[in-house]
Amino acid sequence: MSQIIETTVYQLDELDASARDRARDWYRRNATDEDWHEFRFADFATVCEILGVSLSTKSVRLMGGGSRAAPKIYFSGFSSQGDGACYEGAYRCARDSVGRMRAHAPQDAGLHAIAARLLDVQRRNFYQIRAEIRHAGRYCHEYSMQITVRRESATGQDMSNADEETVIDALRDLARWLYRQLEAEHDFITADEQVDEAIRANGYSFTEEGYRFG
């Protein structure tokens, strides 16, 4: 036999502190947009293009059918040892990278340094340095990238070991930079202020203890 049960529900601001924290935790687990990182991925793709890194792509199926090409960018985070970000692609010289990077990210000294280091190596090697970047293993961080550096010299002249290491370190630093951007974005969208605003905007209601109603 059916019954009608009345339950009093509350808006976020009507809950006490502990119940409000429980409501926020529910939102963080269940209601955060799965594509929250897409803006950071798009900016990273722009940064890579400026530096001369062509990201590899993979086919991603869309909910409505069909597929799209997505860059091979991977990350895990943000509170465990071994968390990080990595990517796959190919690097070649971009002679205008330093100026373009300063125009794209005027305040980001880290990106300026990466662009300058890569261009310095290219100049010493007559702009003949190339690199391949591949992800290996099940972890996602800068050391899970296998980076192969070569010099495409018509006379067979090779680069120094120091130049090879400089390129590898710069491309790993780029992965570290990406992880910091993702971590900052995640911290922002999961902060209490942002979560509260989203809960209010969606009109979610909760029990007195802070459990999502319905």
Protein backbone atom coordinates (compact mmCIF):
# COMPACT_ATOMS: atom_id res chain seq x y z
CA MET A 1 0.00 0.00 0.00
CA SER A 2 1.46 3.35 -1.03
CA GLN A 3 2.22 5.98 1.55
CA ILE A 4 2.84 9.70 1.44
CA ILE A 5 5.88 10.68 3.50
CA GLU A 6 6.60 14.32 4.14
CA THR A 7 10.24 15.41 4.37
CA THR A 8 11.54 18.84 5.23
CA VAL A 9 14.28 19.90 2.85
CA TYR A 10 16.71 22.77 3.15
CA GLN A 11 18.68 25.06 0.92
CA LEU A 12 22.42 25.20 1.43
CA ASP A 13 22.40 28.39 3.49
CA GLU A 14 19.84 26.91 5.89
CA LEU A 15 22.15 24.07 6.94
CA ASP A 16 24.51 24.11 9.88
CA ALA A 17 28.26 23.98 9.27
CA SER A 18 28.71 20.18 9.31
CA ALA A 19 25.68 19.58 7.09
CA ARG A 20 26.88 22.26 4.69
CA ASP A 21 30.25 20.52 4.41
CA ARG A 22 28.47 17.24 3.64
CA ALA A 23 26.42 18.93 0.93
CA ARG A 24 29.59 20.39 -0.60
CA ASP A 25 31.26 16.98 -0.58
CA TRP A 26 28.27 15.54 -2.44
CA TYR A 27 28.58 18.21 -5.11
CA ARG A 28 32.32 17.67 -5.52
CA ARG A 29 31.83 13.92 -5.98
CA ASN A 30 28.78 13.92 -8.21
CA ALA A 31 27.99 17.21 -9.85
CA THR A 32 31.34 18.63 -10.98
CA ASP A 33 31.56 18.89 -14.76
CA GLU A 34 33.63 16.02 -16.16
CA ASP A 35 35.08 18.37 -18.76
CA TRP A 36 36.33 20.92 -16.22
CA HIS A 37 39.87 20.61 -17.58
CA GLU A 38 39.06 21.34 -21.25
CA PHE A 39 39.94 25.04 -21.02
CA ARG A 40 43.36 24.17 -19.60
CA PHE A 41 43.88 21.54 -22.29
CA ALA A 42 43.04 24.10 -24.98
CA ASP A 43 45.48 26.62 -23.56
CA PHE A 44 48.15 23.93 -23.30
CA ALA A 45 47.64 23.08 -26.98
CA THR A 46 48.23 26.75 -27.82
CA VAL A 47 51.37 26.84 -25.67
CA CYS A 48 52.64 23.69 -27.40
CA GLU A 49 52.03 25.17 -30.86
CA ILE A 50 54.01 28.28 -29.90
CA LEU A 51 56.93 26.16 -28.66
CA GLY A 52 56.94 23.93 -31.74
CA VAL A 53 55.32 20.88 -30.13
CA SER A 54 52.72 19.13 -32.28
CA LEU A 55 50.50 17.11 -29.98
CA SER A 56 49.50 13.64 -31.09
CA THR A 57 45.77 12.96 -31.19
CA LYS A 58 43.38 10.13 -30.43
CA SER A 59 39.81 9.47 -31.55
CA VAL A 60 37.17 10.11 -28.88
CA ARG A 61 33.61 8.93 -29.33
CA LEU A 62 30.85 11.47 -28.84
CA MET A 63 27.62 10.81 -26.95
CA GLY A 64 25.49 11.62 -30.00
CA GLY A 65 27.51 9.37 -32.28
CA GLY A 66 30.56 10.10 -34.33
CA SER A 67 33.96 11.01 -32.95
CA ARG A 68 36.44 13.83 -32.61
CA ALA A 69 40.19 14.10 -32.44
CA ALA A 70 41.50 14.88 -28.96
CA PRO A 71 45.10 15.61 -27.99
CA LYS A 72 46.99 12.89 -26.18
CA ILE A 73 47.21 14.64 -22.83
CA TYR A 74 47.01 12.60 -19.62
CA PHE A 75 46.98 13.49 -15.94
CA SER A 76 46.18 12.14 -12.50
CA GLY A 77 45.69 14.16 -9.36
CA PHE A 78 45.77 15.82 -7.07
CA SER A 79 46.81 14.48 -3.71
CA SER A 80 48.72 11.24 -4.27
CA GLN A 81 52.40 10.58 -4.71
CA GLY A 82 53.08 10.01 -8.39
CA ASP A 83 50.36 12.36 -9.61
CA GLY A 84 51.25 14.51 -12.58
CA ALA A 85 50.63 15.23 -16.25
CA CYS A 86 52.18 14.10 -19.51
CA TYR A 87 51.60 14.33 -23.24
CA GLU A 88 52.59 12.81 -26.57
CA GLY A 89 53.78 14.60 -29.67
CA ALA A 90 56.72 15.78 -31.74
CA TYR A 91 58.96 18.81 -31.25
CA ARG A 92 60.76 20.87 -33.84
CA CYS A 93 62.13 24.39 -33.87
CA ALA A 94 59.80 27.40 -33.68
CA ARG A 95 62.08 30.39 -34.24
CA ASP A 96 59.51 32.94 -33.09
CA SER A 97 58.59 31.05 -29.92
CA VAL A 98 60.12 33.43 -27.37
CA GLY A 99 58.34 36.52 -28.66
CA ARG A 100 55.05 34.73 -29.20
CA MET A 101 55.18 33.18 -25.72
CA ARG A 102 55.72 36.56 -24.10
CA ALA A 103 52.71 37.88 -26.01
CA HIS A 104 50.56 34.88 -25.09
CA ALA A 105 51.53 34.67 -21.41
CA PRO A 106 53.20 37.97 -20.44
CA GLN A 107 53.46 37.14 -16.72
CA ASP A 108 54.48 33.48 -16.94
CA ALA A 109 58.23 33.39 -16.38
CA GLY A 110 58.22 29.58 -16.42
CA LEU A 111 56.95 29.42 -19.98
CA HIS A 112 59.33 32.18 -21.05
CA ALA A 113 62.24 30.14 -19.66
CA ILE A 114 61.16 26.96 -21.45
CA ALA A 115 60.89 28.79 -24.77
CA ALA A 116 64.29 30.45 -24.29
CA ARG A 117 66.06 27.20 -23.35
CA LEU A 118 64.69 25.36 -26.37
CA LEU A 119 65.57 28.18 -28.76
CA ASP A 120 69.12 28.46 -27.36
CA VAL A 121 69.71 24.77 -28.11
CA GLN A 122 68.29 25.19 -31.60
CA ARG A 123 70.60 28.11 -32.36
CA ARG A 124 73.67 26.13 -31.27
CA ASN A 125 72.58 23.29 -33.54
CA PHE A 126 71.54 25.34 -36.58
CA TYR A 127 67.83 24.78 -35.83
CA GLN A 128 68.11 21.05 -36.62
CA ILE A 129 66.90 19.56 -33.32
CA ARG A 130 63.86 17.29 -33.36
CA ALA A 131 62.25 15.23 -30.60
CA GLU A 132 59.58 12.57 -30.23
CA ILE A 133 57.55 12.33 -27.01
CA ARG A 134 55.69 9.16 -26.06
CA HIS A 135 53.79 8.15 -22.94
CA ALA A 136 54.88 4.84 -21.41
CA GLY A 137 53.45 2.86 -18.51
CA ARG A 138 50.33 3.37 -16.43
CA TYR A 139 51.41 6.47 -14.53
CA CYS A 140 50.91 10.04 -15.69
CA HIS A 141 53.76 12.40 -14.85
CA GLU A 142 56.72 14.00 -16.57
CA TYR A 143 58.93 10.93 -16.12
CA SER A 144 56.39 8.65 -17.79
CA MET A 145 57.29 10.33 -21.09
CA GLN A 146 59.92 8.70 -23.28
CA ILE A 147 61.67 11.53 -25.11
CA THR A 148 63.98 10.82 -28.05
CA VAL A 149 66.05 13.75 -29.28
CA ARG A 150 67.99 13.85 -32.55
CA ARG A 151 69.74 16.33 -34.81
CA GLU A 152 68.82 16.25 -38.49
CA SER A 153 72.16 17.33 -39.91
CA ALA A 154 72.94 16.85 -43.59
CA THR A 155 76.59 16.26 -42.65
CA GLY A 156 75.82 13.82 -39.84
CA GLN A 157 76.91 16.22 -37.11
CA ASP A 158 75.47 15.30 -33.73
CA MET A 159 74.46 17.45 -30.78
CA SER A 160 76.20 17.45 -27.41
CA ASN A 161 74.87 15.37 -24.51
CA ALA A 162 74.23 18.59 -22.62
CA ASP A 163 72.01 19.91 -25.41
CA GLU A 164 70.08 16.64 -25.52
CA GLU A 165 69.47 16.82 -21.77
CA THR A 166 68.40 20.47 -22.02
CA VAL A 167 65.70 19.59 -24.56
CA ILE A 168 64.48 16.64 -22.48
CA ASP A 169 64.38 18.72 -19.30
CA ALA A 170 62.51 21.56 -21.03
CA LEU A 171 59.86 19.20 -22.42
CA ARG A 172 59.46 17.62 -19.00
CA ASP A 173 59.16 21.08 -17.45
CA LEU A 174 56.33 21.72 -19.89
CA ALA A 175 54.48 18.72 -18.44
CA ARG A 176 55.11 20.03 -14.92
CA TRP A 177 53.72 23.41 -15.98
CA LEU A 178 50.56 21.74 -17.31
CA TYR A 179 50.05 19.87 -14.04
CA ARG A 180 50.30 23.08 -12.05
CA GLN A 181 47.66 24.69 -14.28
CA LEU A 182 45.32 21.73 -13.87
CA GLU A 183 45.83 21.67 -10.12
CA ALA A 184 45.11 25.39 -9.84
CA GLU A 185 41.94 25.04 -11.92
CA HIS A 186 40.74 22.07 -9.85
CA ASP A 187 41.42 23.93 -6.60
CA PHE A 188 39.42 26.89 -7.90
CA ILE A 189 36.31 25.01 -9.03
CA THR A 190 36.20 22.85 -5.88
CA ALA A 191 36.74 25.72 -3.45
CA ASP A 192 33.87 26.32 -1.01
CA GLU A 193 32.94 29.63 -2.59
CA GLN A 194 32.62 28.18 -6.10
CA VAL A 195 30.81 25.05 -4.92
CA ASP A 196 28.33 27.10 -2.89
CA GLU A 197 27.60 29.30 -5.88
CA ALA A 198 26.95 26.28 -8.10
CA ILE A 199 24.68 24.61 -5.53
CA ARG A 200 22.63 27.78 -5.15
CA ALA A 201 22.41 28.33 -8.91
CA ASN A 202 21.07 24.79 -9.43
CA GLY A 203 18.62 25.02 -6.54
CA TYR A 204 19.73 21.75 -4.96
CA SER A 205 18.00 20.84 -1.71
CA PHE A 206 19.19 18.69 1.18
CA THR A 207 18.02 16.96 4.32
CA GLU A 208 18.84 18.53 7.66
CA GLU A 209 22.00 16.40 7.84
CA GLY A 210 23.21 17.67 4.45
CA TYR A 211 22.31 14.68 2.28
CA ARG A 212 21.06 15.43 -1.20
CA PHE A 213 17.28 15.11 -1.39
CA GLY A 214 15.79 13.05 -4.19
